[in-house]
Amino acid sequence: MDGTFDHVMIRVEDLDESLDWYQTHLNYEEKGRWEADTFTNVFLGPEDVHEDGALLELTYNHDGRSYEIGDAWGHIAVRVPEDALQESYDQLMEEGVEDYRDPESCGNRYAFVKDPDGHEIEIVKRDHGAKWSIDHTMIRVEDADEALGYWIRKFEYGEYPGRWEADSFSNYFVAPEEAPEEAMKLELTYNYDGREYTMGDGWGHVAVRVDDLDDAWDDLMTREAPDYRDPASCDHNYAFTKDQDGHEVELVTRD
């Protein structure tokens, strides 16, 4: 498998409100848009996002539906310079962003805010990548060994430095072994208490960029990945599989 993470998709209930939030507070700009009869997809990111950096996809369905976020979906994490966590957080507070977890409550290592739909956004300190660019996406898994095995076997990813083994949970980061540090990582959070999770429909998917859609799909089928939506069913524009917990994973090509 040859792909970095291309984007992460979440669903929003008011597209104009969400666009204004991300463009105002994270200085995102629109990178692409797909207008269909029943939905709109908008891709956002910083102006100077790295060529292998991930974008945020906002999906808005035109029927006015509401969403449940669920607890299997964790958050996206965005970068700020190492010395700018408190300053960046204070700026968001001055702009009226919802205060969820301030830097002090997180040991001054990170902080959390929420977007208009309640999606959690972690602010992490990094000395690489554009400010507010996506550093990682976190999902919760019910079996850490299965989750790591899925990404290692199906996608040929490696475990990225940053593993955190605590008394009650573990965090693991996976990414292509040769991906630049500016690329997005996937954080797998495993709680030791055996809990189960609700997927919810506010959470969409992560997308992996590949050079050849059909070849990548054939590799996944050989490696016994779930056949969710094959390339033919998606007019050979993209395809979808699922991980061991039911999180959707899209395959895409990007020029």
C-alpha atoms as a PDB file:
ATOM      1  CA  MET A   1       0.000   0.000   0.000  1.00  0.00           C
ATOM      2  CA  ASP A   2       1.387   3.382  -0.989  1.00  0.00           C
ATOM      3  CA  GLY A   3      -0.806   6.008   0.597  1.00  0.00           C
ATOM      4  CA  THR A   4      -0.714   8.686   3.243  1.00  0.00           C
ATOM      5  CA  PHE A   5      -3.891   9.903   4.915  1.00  0.00           C
ATOM      6  CA  ASP A   6      -5.656  12.260   2.522  1.00  0.00           C
ATOM      7  CA  HIS A   7      -8.489  13.640   4.642  1.00  0.00           C
ATOM      8  CA  VAL A   8     -10.820  13.066   7.552  1.00  0.00           C
ATOM      9  CA  MET A   9     -14.575  13.492   7.096  1.00  0.00           C
ATOM     10  CA  ILE A  10     -17.127  14.685   9.639  1.00  0.00           C
ATOM     11  CA  ARG A  11     -20.806  15.545   9.177  1.00  0.00           C
ATOM     12  CA  VAL A  12     -22.201  18.956  10.082  1.00  0.00           C
ATOM     13  CA  GLU A  13     -25.741  20.247  10.515  1.00  0.00           C
ATOM     14  CA  ASP A  14     -25.225  23.840   9.300  1.00  0.00           C
ATOM     15  CA  LEU A  15     -22.658  24.159   6.536  1.00  0.00           C
ATOM     16  CA  ASP A  16     -22.458  27.957   6.581  1.00  0.00           C
ATOM     17  CA  GLU A  17     -21.935  28.002  10.347  1.00  0.00           C
ATOM     18  CA  SER A  18     -19.251  25.313  10.172  1.00  0.00           C
ATOM     19  CA  LEU A  19     -17.427  26.968   7.283  1.00  0.00           C
ATOM     20  CA  ASP A  20     -17.438  30.287   9.127  1.00  0.00           C
ATOM     21  CA  TRP A  21     -16.105  28.589  12.288  1.00  0.00           C
ATOM     22  CA  TYR A  22     -13.177  26.832  10.610  1.00  0.00           C
ATOM     23  CA  GLN A  23     -12.321  29.738   8.349  1.00  0.00           C
ATOM     24  CA  THR A  24     -12.489  32.299  11.164  1.00  0.00           C
ATOM     25  CA  HIS A  25     -10.867  30.424  14.026  1.00  0.00           C
ATOM     26  CA  LEU A  26      -8.426  28.055  12.278  1.00  0.00           C
ATOM     27  CA  ASN A  27      -7.794  30.251   9.223  1.00  0.00           C
ATOM     28  CA  TYR A  28      -8.790  27.412   6.926  1.00  0.00           C
ATOM     29  CA  GLU A  29      -9.519  28.022   3.288  1.00  0.00           C
ATOM     30  CA  GLU A  30     -11.679  26.058   0.900  1.00  0.00           C
ATOM     31  CA  LYS A  31      -9.591  23.603  -1.124  1.00  0.00           C
ATOM     32  CA  GLY A  32     -12.395  21.877  -3.033  1.00  0.00           C
ATOM     33  CA  ARG A  33     -16.135  21.338  -3.120  1.00  0.00           C
ATOM     34  CA  TRP A  34     -18.532  18.725  -4.485  1.00  0.00           C
ATOM     35  CA  GLU A  35     -22.144  19.789  -4.910  1.00  0.00           C
ATOM     36  CA  ALA A  36     -24.572  16.905  -5.381  1.00  0.00           C
ATOM     37  CA  ASP A  37     -28.367  16.869  -5.441  1.00  0.00           C
ATOM     38  CA  THR A  38     -28.710  15.750  -1.835  1.00  0.00           C
ATOM     39  CA  PHE A  39     -25.424  16.714  -0.161  1.00  0.00           C
ATOM     40  CA  THR A  40     -22.406  18.998  -0.298  1.00  0.00           C
ATOM     41  CA  ASN A  41     -18.789  18.104   0.510  1.00  0.00           C
ATOM     42  CA  VAL A  42     -16.305  20.878   1.259  1.00  0.00           C
ATOM     43  CA  PHE A  43     -12.576  20.297   1.774  1.00  0.00           C
ATOM     44  CA  LEU A  44     -10.680  22.698   4.034  1.00  0.00           C
ATOM     45  CA  GLY A  45      -7.143  23.285   5.218  1.00  0.00           C
ATOM     46  CA  PRO A  46      -4.542  25.948   5.948  1.00  0.00           C
ATOM     47  CA  GLU A  47      -3.323  28.020   3.017  1.00  0.00           C
ATOM     48  CA  ASP A  48       0.182  26.523   3.268  1.00  0.00           C
ATOM     49  CA  VAL A  49      -0.785  22.928   4.051  1.00  0.00           C
ATOM     50  CA  HIS A  50       1.975  20.433   3.183  1.00  0.00           C
ATOM     51  CA  GLU A  51       1.528  18.461  -0.047  1.00  0.00           C
ATOM     52  CA  ASP A  52       1.174  15.305   2.045  1.00  0.00           C
ATOM     53  CA  GLY A  53      -0.914  17.010   4.703  1.00  0.00           C
ATOM     54  CA  ALA A  54      -4.484  15.915   5.348  1.00  0.00           C
ATOM     55  CA  LEU A  55      -7.551  18.041   4.727  1.00  0.00           C
ATOM     56  CA  LEU A  56     -10.810  18.260   6.654  1.00  0.00           C
ATOM     57  CA  GLU A  57     -13.926  17.246   4.745  1.00  0.00           C
ATOM     58  CA  LEU A  58     -17.242  18.679   5.941  1.00  0.00           C
ATOM     59  CA  THR A  59     -20.273  16.757   4.704  1.00  0.00           C
ATOM     60  CA  TYR A  60     -23.636  18.531   4.757  1.00  0.00           C
ATOM     61  CA  ASN A  61     -26.802  16.636   3.854  1.00  0.00           C
ATOM     62  CA  HIS A  62     -29.560  18.824   2.444  1.00  0.00           C
ATOM     63  CA  ASP A  63     -32.434  17.100   4.278  1.00  0.00           C
ATOM     64  CA  GLY A  64     -31.840  18.899   7.581  1.00  0.00           C
ATOM     65  CA  ARG A  65     -31.037  15.755   9.556  1.00  0.00           C
ATOM     66  CA  SER A  66     -29.393  15.775  12.969  1.00  0.00           C
ATOM     67  CA  TYR A  67     -26.479  13.609  14.058  1.00  0.00           C
ATOM     68  CA  GLU A  68     -25.233  11.661  17.037  1.00  0.00           C
ATOM     69  CA  ILE A  69     -21.462  11.818  17.427  1.00  0.00           C
ATOM     70  CA  GLY A  70     -21.084   8.610  19.439  1.00  0.00           C
ATOM     71  CA  ASP A  71     -18.043   7.726  21.551  1.00  0.00           C
ATOM     72  CA  ALA A  72     -16.110   5.591  19.043  1.00  0.00           C
ATOM     73  CA  TRP A  73     -15.155   8.860  17.370  1.00  0.00           C
ATOM     74  CA  GLY A  74     -12.575  10.828  19.310  1.00  0.00           C
ATOM     75  CA  HIS A  75     -11.207  13.997  17.760  1.00  0.00           C
ATOM     76  CA  ILE A  76      -8.970  15.667  15.246  1.00  0.00           C
ATOM     77  CA  ALA A  77      -5.795  17.299  16.527  1.00  0.00           C
ATOM     78  CA  VAL A  78      -4.384  20.484  15.015  1.00  0.00           C
ATOM     79  CA  ARG A  79      -0.874  21.881  15.370  1.00  0.00           C
ATOM     80  CA  VAL A  80       0.437  25.065  16.919  1.00  0.00           C
ATOM     81  CA  PRO A  81       4.107  25.974  17.545  1.00  0.00           C
ATOM     82  CA  GLU A  82       5.670  24.540  20.699  1.00  0.00           C
ATOM     83  CA  ASP A  83       5.732  27.918  22.424  1.00  0.00           C
ATOM     84  CA  ALA A  84       2.281  29.027  21.309  1.00  0.00           C
ATOM     85  CA  LEU A  85      -0.215  26.686  22.979  1.00  0.00           C
ATOM     86  CA  GLN A  86      -1.517  29.120  25.594  1.00  0.00           C
ATOM     87  CA  GLU A  87      -1.423  32.055  23.181  1.00  0.00           C
ATOM     88  CA  SER A  88      -3.349  30.115  20.535  1.00  0.00           C
ATOM     89  CA  TYR A  89      -5.885  28.895  23.063  1.00  0.00           C
ATOM     90  CA  ASP A  90      -6.386  32.403  24.467  1.00  0.00           C
ATOM     91  CA  GLN A  91      -6.974  33.702  20.958  1.00  0.00           C
ATOM     92  CA  LEU A  92      -9.727  31.136  20.423  1.00  0.00           C
ATOM     93  CA  MET A  93     -11.329  32.054  23.735  1.00  0.00           C
ATOM     94  CA  GLU A  94     -11.303  35.753  22.800  1.00  0.00           C
ATOM     95  CA  GLU A  95     -13.036  34.831  19.554  1.00  0.00           C
ATOM     96  CA  GLY A  96     -15.828  33.078  21.444  1.00  0.00           C
ATOM     97  CA  VAL A  97     -14.868  29.441  20.839  1.00  0.00           C
ATOM     98  CA  GLU A  98     -16.363  26.951  23.314  1.00  0.00           C
ATOM     99  CA  ASP A  99     -13.977  26.185  26.191  1.00  0.00           C
ATOM    100  CA  TYR A 100     -13.744  22.414  26.684  1.00  0.00           C
ATOM    101  CA  ARG A 101     -10.335  21.620  28.266  1.00  0.00           C
ATOM    102  CA  ASP A 102      -7.839  24.425  28.790  1.00  0.00           C
ATOM    103  CA  PRO A 103      -4.052  23.971  28.676  1.00  0.00           C
ATOM    104  CA  GLU A 104      -3.657  24.067  32.463  1.00  0.00           C
ATOM    105  CA  SER A 105      -6.116  21.206  32.937  1.00  0.00           C
ATOM    106  CA  CYS A 106      -4.062  19.169  30.441  1.00  0.00           C
ATOM    107  CA  GLY A 107      -0.683  19.758  32.058  1.00  0.00           C
ATOM    108  CA  ASN A 108       0.084  22.476  29.479  1.00  0.00           C
ATOM    109  CA  ARG A 109       0.770  19.728  26.946  1.00  0.00           C
ATOM    110  CA  TYR A 110      -2.366  20.218  24.848  1.00  0.00           C
ATOM    111  CA  ALA A 111      -5.899  21.637  25.040  1.00  0.00           C
ATOM    112  CA  PHE A 112      -9.335  20.934  23.594  1.00  0.00           C
ATOM    113  CA  VAL A 113     -12.130  22.993  22.074  1.00  0.00           C
ATOM    114  CA  LYS A 114     -15.320  22.019  20.247  1.00  0.00           C
ATOM    115  CA  ASP A 115     -16.731  23.066  16.881  1.00  0.00           C
ATOM    116  CA  PRO A 116     -20.406  24.059  16.382  1.00  0.00           C
ATOM    117  CA  ASP A 117     -21.513  20.413  16.120  1.00  0.00           C
ATOM    118  CA  GLY A 118     -19.652  19.268  19.223  1.00  0.00           C
ATOM    119  CA  HIS A 119     -16.750  17.625  17.383  1.00  0.00           C
ATOM    120  CA  GLU A 120     -13.696  17.742  19.654  1.00  0.00           C
ATOM    121  CA  ILE A 121     -10.558  19.458  18.396  1.00  0.00           C
ATOM    122  CA  GLU A 122      -7.298  18.945  20.230  1.00  0.00           C
ATOM    123  CA  ILE A 123      -4.583  21.596  20.038  1.00  0.00           C
ATOM    124  CA  VAL A 124      -1.120  20.028  20.122  1.00  0.00           C
ATOM    125  CA  LYS A 125       2.366  21.524  20.235  1.00  0.00           C
ATOM    126  CA  ARG A 126       4.453  20.756  17.150  1.00  0.00           C
ATOM    127  CA  ASP A 127       7.473  22.363  15.536  1.00  0.00           C
ATOM    128  CA  HIS A 128       6.540  21.055  12.107  1.00  0.00           C
ATOM    129  CA  GLY A 129       3.633  21.613   9.759  1.00  0.00           C
ATOM    130  CA  ALA A 130       1.512  24.688   9.169  1.00  0.00           C
ATOM    131  CA  LYS A 131      -0.287  26.206  12.140  1.00  0.00           C
ATOM    132  CA  TRP A 132      -3.711  24.570  12.618  1.00  0.00           C
ATOM    133  CA  SER A 133      -2.864  21.779  10.134  1.00  0.00           C
ATOM    134  CA  ILE A 134      -4.177  18.335  11.070  1.00  0.00           C
ATOM    135  CA  ASP A 135      -1.654  16.385  13.142  1.00  0.00           C
ATOM    136  CA  HIS A 136      -3.695  13.273  13.864  1.00  0.00           C
ATOM    137  CA  THR A 137      -7.174  11.838  14.082  1.00  0.00           C
ATOM    138  CA  MET A 138      -8.156   9.796  17.122  1.00  0.00           C
ATOM    139  CA  ILE A 139     -10.590   6.872  17.118  1.00  0.00           C
ATOM    140  CA  ARG A 140     -11.391   4.396  19.904  1.00  0.00           C
ATOM    141  CA  VAL A 141     -10.925   0.671  19.395  1.00  0.00           C
ATOM    142  CA  GLU A 142     -12.099  -2.333  21.376  1.00  0.00           C
ATOM    143  CA  ASP A 143      -9.052  -4.551  20.816  1.00  0.00           C
ATOM    144  CA  ALA A 144      -5.630  -2.907  20.511  1.00  0.00           C
ATOM    145  CA  ASP A 145      -3.925  -5.972  19.023  1.00  0.00           C
ATOM    146  CA  GLU A 146      -6.570  -6.321  16.319  1.00  0.00           C
ATOM    147  CA  ALA A 147      -6.491  -2.607  15.544  1.00  0.00           C
ATOM    148  CA  LEU A 148      -2.712  -2.467  15.197  1.00  0.00           C
ATOM    149  CA  GLY A 149      -2.747  -5.662  13.152  1.00  0.00           C
ATOM    150  CA  TYR A 150      -5.364  -4.219  10.807  1.00  0.00           C
ATOM    151  CA  TRP A 151      -3.294  -1.181   9.878  1.00  0.00           C
ATOM    152  CA  ILE A 152      -0.001  -3.064   9.752  1.00  0.00           C
ATOM    153  CA  ARG A 153      -1.283  -5.950   7.635  1.00  0.00           C
ATOM    154  CA  LYS A 154      -3.907  -4.296   5.451  1.00  0.00           C
ATOM    155  CA  PHE A 155      -2.203  -0.959   4.780  1.00  0.00           C
ATOM    156  CA  GLU A 156       1.473  -1.735   5.521  1.00  0.00           C
ATOM    157  CA  TYR A 157       1.574   1.074   8.081  1.00  0.00           C
ATOM    158  CA  GLY A 158       4.014   1.199  10.937  1.00  0.00           C
ATOM    159  CA  GLU A 159       3.638   2.354  14.513  1.00  0.00           C
ATOM    160  CA  TYR A 160       4.670   5.999  14.698  1.00  0.00           C
ATOM    161  CA  PRO A 161       6.614   7.233  17.764  1.00  0.00           C
ATOM    162  CA  GLY A 162       4.390   8.557  20.509  1.00  0.00           C
ATOM    163  CA  ARG A 163       2.922   5.448  22.134  1.00  0.00           C
ATOM    164  CA  TRP A 164       1.489   6.206  25.554  1.00  0.00           C
ATOM    165  CA  GLU A 165       0.833   3.356  27.975  1.00  0.00           C
ATOM    166  CA  ALA A 166      -1.133   4.554  31.011  1.00  0.00           C
ATOM    167  CA  ASP A 167      -2.723   2.669  33.902  1.00  0.00           C
ATOM    168  CA  SER A 168      -6.160   2.485  32.314  1.00  0.00           C
ATOM    169  CA  PHE A 169      -5.621   3.094  28.595  1.00  0.00           C
ATOM    170  CA  SER A 170      -3.098   3.131  25.754  1.00  0.00           C
ATOM    171  CA  ASN A 171      -2.642   5.386  22.743  1.00  0.00           C
ATOM    172  CA  TYR A 172      -0.946   4.114  19.581  1.00  0.00           C
ATOM    173  CA  PHE A 173      -0.124   6.122  16.446  1.00  0.00           C
ATOM    174  CA  VAL A 174       0.042   4.555  12.991  1.00  0.00           C
ATOM    175  CA  ALA A 175       1.125   6.000   9.644  1.00  0.00           C
ATOM    176  CA  PRO A 176       2.975   4.944   6.491  1.00  0.00           C
ATOM    177  CA  GLU A 177       6.559   4.213   7.471  1.00  0.00           C
ATOM    178  CA  GLU A 178       8.011   6.732   4.994  1.00  0.00           C
ATOM    179  CA  ALA A 179       5.397   9.456   5.463  1.00  0.00           C
ATOM    180  CA  PRO A 180       6.766  12.947   6.174  1.00  0.00           C
ATOM    181  CA  GLU A 181       6.196  14.283   9.674  1.00  0.00           C
ATOM    182  CA  GLU A 182       3.687  16.777   8.272  1.00  0.00           C
ATOM    183  CA  ALA A 183       1.379  13.919   7.234  1.00  0.00           C
ATOM    184  CA  MET A 184      -1.572  13.002   9.435  1.00  0.00           C
ATOM    185  CA  LYS A 185      -1.299  10.070  11.834  1.00  0.00           C
ATOM    186  CA  LEU A 186      -4.089   7.889  13.148  1.00  0.00           C
ATOM    187  CA  GLU A 187      -4.302   7.616  16.930  1.00  0.00           C
ATOM    188  CA  LEU A 188      -5.827   4.380  18.225  1.00  0.00           C
ATOM    189  CA  THR A 189      -7.112   4.722  21.784  1.00  0.00           C
ATOM    190  CA  TYR A 190      -7.683   1.513  23.731  1.00  0.00           C
ATOM    191  CA  ASN A 191      -9.279   1.522  27.192  1.00  0.00           C
ATOM    192  CA  TYR A 192      -8.471  -1.469  29.405  1.00  0.00           C
ATOM    193  CA  ASP A 193     -11.928  -1.823  30.959  1.00  0.00           C
ATOM    194  CA  GLY A 194     -13.407  -3.762  28.038  1.00  0.00           C
ATOM    195  CA  ARG A 195     -15.982  -1.112  27.165  1.00  0.00           C
ATOM    196  CA  GLU A 196     -17.854  -1.090  23.888  1.00  0.00           C
ATOM    197  CA  TYR A 197     -18.472   1.994  21.766  1.00  0.00           C
ATOM    198  CA  THR A 198     -21.271   3.605  19.793  1.00  0.00           C
ATOM    199  CA  MET A 199     -20.225   4.652  16.302  1.00  0.00           C
ATOM    200  CA  GLY A 200     -22.703   7.485  15.781  1.00  0.00           C
ATOM    201  CA  ASP A 201     -23.318   9.140  12.420  1.00  0.00           C
ATOM    202  CA  GLY A 202     -21.685  12.518  13.043  1.00  0.00           C
ATOM    203  CA  TRP A 203     -18.371  10.722  12.472  1.00  0.00           C
ATOM    204  CA  GLY A 204     -17.607   9.880   8.853  1.00  0.00           C
ATOM    205  CA  HIS A 205     -14.275   8.331   7.897  1.00  0.00           C
ATOM    206  CA  VAL A 206     -10.570   8.656   7.289  1.00  0.00           C
ATOM    207  CA  ALA A 207      -9.350   8.538   3.694  1.00  0.00           C
ATOM    208  CA  VAL A 208      -6.114   6.990   2.442  1.00  0.00           C
ATOM    209  CA  ARG A 209      -4.548   8.314  -0.742  1.00  0.00           C
ATOM    210  CA  VAL A 210      -3.382   5.651  -3.205  1.00  0.00           C
ATOM    211  CA  ASP A 211      -1.718   5.765  -6.625  1.00  0.00           C
ATOM    212  CA  ASP A 212      -3.924   3.131  -8.270  1.00  0.00           C
ATOM    213  CA  LEU A 213      -7.396   2.556  -6.861  1.00  0.00           C
ATOM    214  CA  ASP A 214      -8.000  -0.874  -8.365  1.00  0.00           C
ATOM    215  CA  ASP A 215      -4.583  -2.226  -7.422  1.00  0.00           C
ATOM    216  CA  ALA A 216      -4.943  -0.965  -3.868  1.00  0.00           C
ATOM    217  CA  TRP A 217      -8.417  -2.492  -3.610  1.00  0.00           C
ATOM    218  CA  ASP A 218      -7.156  -5.850  -4.888  1.00  0.00           C
ATOM    219  CA  ASP A 219      -4.407  -5.785  -2.248  1.00  0.00           C
ATOM    220  CA  LEU A 220      -6.980  -5.141   0.486  1.00  0.00           C
ATOM    221  CA  MET A 221      -9.207  -7.956  -0.712  1.00  0.00           C
ATOM    222  CA  THR A 222      -6.208 -10.331  -0.750  1.00  0.00           C
ATOM    223  CA  ARG A 223      -5.495  -9.275   2.829  1.00  0.00           C
ATOM    224  CA  GLU A 224      -9.108 -10.023   3.785  1.00  0.00           C
ATOM    225  CA  ALA A 225     -10.249  -6.470   4.439  1.00  0.00           C
ATOM    226  CA  PRO A 226     -14.044  -6.021   4.553  1.00  0.00           C
ATOM    227  CA  ASP A 227     -15.625  -5.364   1.150  1.00  0.00           C
ATOM    228  CA  TYR A 228     -17.881  -2.401   1.972  1.00  0.00           C
ATOM    229  CA  ARG A 229     -18.095  -0.344  -1.237  1.00  0.00           C
ATOM    230  CA  ASP A 230     -15.865  -1.521  -4.075  1.00  0.00           C
ATOM    231  CA  PRO A 231     -14.510   0.768  -6.821  1.00  0.00           C
ATOM    232  CA  ALA A 232     -17.119  -0.342  -9.353  1.00  0.00           C
ATOM    233  CA  SER A 233     -19.976   0.623  -7.026  1.00  0.00           C
ATOM    234  CA  CYS A 234     -18.410   4.090  -6.678  1.00  0.00           C
ATOM    235  CA  ASP A 235     -17.867   4.664 -10.431  1.00  0.00           C
ATOM    236  CA  HIS A 236     -14.159   3.963  -9.878  1.00  0.00           C
ATOM    237  CA  ASN A 237     -13.755   7.356  -8.179  1.00  0.00           C
ATOM    238  CA  TYR A 238     -13.122   5.918  -4.696  1.00  0.00           C
ATOM    239  CA  ALA A 239     -13.872   2.848  -2.570  1.00  0.00           C
ATOM    240  CA  PHE A 240     -14.564   2.018   1.076  1.00  0.00           C
ATOM    241  CA  THR A 241     -13.541  -0.700   3.482  1.00  0.00           C
ATOM    242  CA  LYS A 242     -13.970  -0.870   7.276  1.00  0.00           C
ATOM    243  CA  ASP A 243     -11.636  -1.627  10.138  1.00  0.00           C
ATOM    244  CA  GLN A 244     -12.249  -4.266  12.799  1.00  0.00           C
ATOM    245  CA  ASP A 245     -14.499  -1.908  14.793  1.00  0.00           C
ATOM    246  CA  GLY A 246     -16.542  -0.646  11.852  1.00  0.00           C
ATOM    247  CA  HIS A 247     -14.740   2.660  11.296  1.00  0.00           C
ATOM    248  CA  GLU A 248     -14.989   3.479   7.594  1.00  0.00           C
ATOM    249  CA  VAL A 249     -11.795   3.859   5.558  1.00  0.00           C
ATOM    250  CA  GLU A 250     -11.994   5.445   2.118  1.00  0.00           C
ATOM    251  CA  LEU A 251      -9.505   4.900  -0.683  1.00  0.00           C
ATOM    252  CA  VAL A 252      -8.992   7.900  -2.967  1.00  0.00           C
ATOM    253  CA  THR A 253      -6.629   9.145  -5.616  1.00  0.00           C
ATOM    254  CA  ARG A 254      -5.574  12.783  -5.655  1.00  0.00           C
ATOM    255  CA  ASP A 255      -3.844  14.624  -8.493  1.00  0.00           C
END
